[in-house]
Amino acid sequence: MQEYLASLKVNGKVSASGKVYPGVKVVIKDASLKIRNEFKNVTFINELNEVKVTKYEALEEDFSKNH
């Protein structure tokens, strides 16, 4: 799965429609972010090789079922 994700040309996005708890580590390609505060309904994006938190965006396709 990691090889597949690394091969993608897009920067990456992780959307969480529920809660994201402190202690969770969000990894998108080579960037990571350790969550310190609880979040709800957020999207994490890889921007300039850094994970940033933005407003929630529903994903158009569920990639978790492809592999």
C-alpha atoms as a PDB file:
ATOM      1  CA  MET A   1       0.000   0.000   0.000  1.00  0.00           C
ATOM      2  CA  GLN A   2       2.806   2.423   0.870  1.00  0.00           C
ATOM      3  CA  GLU A   3       4.533   1.764  -2.469  1.00  0.00           C
ATOM      4  CA  TYR A   4       1.262   2.418  -4.290  1.00  0.00           C
ATOM      5  CA  LEU A   5       0.680   5.678  -2.398  1.00  0.00           C
ATOM      6  CA  ALA A   6       4.266   6.821  -2.990  1.00  0.00           C
ATOM      7  CA  SER A   7       3.819   6.251  -6.728  1.00  0.00           C
ATOM      8  CA  LEU A   8       0.797   8.548  -6.971  1.00  0.00           C
ATOM      9  CA  LYS A   9       1.363  11.914  -8.621  1.00  0.00           C
ATOM     10  CA  VAL A  10      -1.225  13.709  -6.441  1.00  0.00           C
ATOM     11  CA  ASN A  11      -0.162  15.201  -3.120  1.00  0.00           C
ATOM     12  CA  GLY A  12      -2.713  13.308  -1.074  1.00  0.00           C
ATOM     13  CA  LYS A  13      -5.704  13.920   1.145  1.00  0.00           C
ATOM     14  CA  VAL A  14      -7.238  12.189   4.172  1.00  0.00           C
ATOM     15  CA  SER A  15     -10.795  13.103   5.165  1.00  0.00           C
ATOM     16  CA  ALA A  16     -12.242  12.228   8.561  1.00  0.00           C
ATOM     17  CA  SER A  17     -16.013  12.565   8.897  1.00  0.00           C
ATOM     18  CA  GLY A  18     -15.838  11.531  12.545  1.00  0.00           C
ATOM     19  CA  LYS A  19     -13.403  12.316  15.350  1.00  0.00           C
ATOM     20  CA  VAL A  20      -9.600  12.269  15.157  1.00  0.00           C
ATOM     21  CA  TYR A  21      -8.111  11.766  18.613  1.00  0.00           C
ATOM     22  CA  PRO A  22      -4.876  13.056  20.148  1.00  0.00           C
ATOM     23  CA  GLY A  23      -2.014  10.612  19.648  1.00  0.00           C
ATOM     24  CA  VAL A  24      -3.038   9.682  16.093  1.00  0.00           C
ATOM     25  CA  LYS A  25      -0.316  10.116  13.473  1.00  0.00           C
ATOM     26  CA  VAL A  26      -1.533  11.197  10.026  1.00  0.00           C
ATOM     27  CA  VAL A  27       0.902  10.253   7.242  1.00  0.00           C
ATOM     28  CA  ILE A  28       0.488  11.435   3.654  1.00  0.00           C
ATOM     29  CA  LYS A  29       3.363  10.349   1.425  1.00  0.00           C
ATOM     30  CA  ASP A  30       6.558  11.553   3.186  1.00  0.00           C
ATOM     31  CA  ALA A  31       4.812  14.096   5.431  1.00  0.00           C
ATOM     32  CA  SER A  32       3.350  13.343   8.850  1.00  0.00           C
ATOM     33  CA  LEU A  33       1.507  15.111  11.646  1.00  0.00           C
ATOM     34  CA  LYS A  34       1.022  13.879  15.208  1.00  0.00           C
ATOM     35  CA  ILE A  35      -2.408  14.997  16.392  1.00  0.00           C
ATOM     36  CA  ARG A  36      -2.325  16.894  19.706  1.00  0.00           C
ATOM     37  CA  ASN A  37      -5.959  18.091  19.880  1.00  0.00           C
ATOM     38  CA  GLU A  38      -9.196  16.311  19.045  1.00  0.00           C
ATOM     39  CA  PHE A  39     -10.638  17.202  15.630  1.00  0.00           C
ATOM     40  CA  LYS A  40     -14.027  16.459  14.109  1.00  0.00           C
ATOM     41  CA  ASN A  41     -15.004  16.627  10.432  1.00  0.00           C
ATOM     42  CA  VAL A  42     -11.633  17.649   9.020  1.00  0.00           C
ATOM     43  CA  THR A  43      -9.490  16.944   5.982  1.00  0.00           C
ATOM     44  CA  PHE A  44      -5.728  16.578   6.130  1.00  0.00           C
ATOM     45  CA  ILE A  45      -3.764  17.554   3.021  1.00  0.00           C
ATOM     46  CA  ASN A  46      -0.129  17.298   2.003  1.00  0.00           C
ATOM     47  CA  GLU A  47       0.932  20.835   1.165  1.00  0.00           C
ATOM     48  CA  LEU A  48       4.605  21.458   0.392  1.00  0.00           C
ATOM     49  CA  ASN A  49       5.470  18.134   2.072  1.00  0.00           C
ATOM     50  CA  GLU A  50       3.716  19.146   5.300  1.00  0.00           C
ATOM     51  CA  VAL A  51       0.396  17.808   6.617  1.00  0.00           C
ATOM     52  CA  LYS A  52      -2.124  20.638   7.090  1.00  0.00           C
ATOM     53  CA  VAL A  53      -5.627  20.563   8.610  1.00  0.00           C
ATOM     54  CA  THR A  54      -8.468  22.060   6.549  1.00  0.00           C
ATOM     55  CA  LYS A  55     -12.269  22.016   6.539  1.00  0.00           C
ATOM     56  CA  TYR A  56     -13.880  18.656   5.812  1.00  0.00           C
ATOM     57  CA  GLU A  57     -14.153  17.597   2.174  1.00  0.00           C
ATOM     58  CA  ALA A  58     -15.961  14.380   1.283  1.00  0.00           C
ATOM     59  CA  LEU A  59     -13.821  12.117  -0.885  1.00  0.00           C
ATOM     60  CA  GLU A  60     -15.113  11.389  -4.355  1.00  0.00           C
ATOM     61  CA  GLU A  61     -13.823   7.810  -4.339  1.00  0.00           C
ATOM     62  CA  ASP A  62     -13.149   5.338  -1.530  1.00  0.00           C
ATOM     63  CA  PHE A  63      -9.556   4.210  -2.165  1.00  0.00           C
ATOM     64  CA  SER A  64      -9.472   1.965   0.900  1.00  0.00           C
ATOM     65  CA  LYS A  65     -11.319  -0.785  -0.995  1.00  0.00           C
ATOM     66  CA  ASN A  66      -8.907  -0.846  -3.962  1.00  0.00           C
ATOM     67  CA  HIS A  67      -6.191  -2.785  -2.118  1.00  0.00           C
END
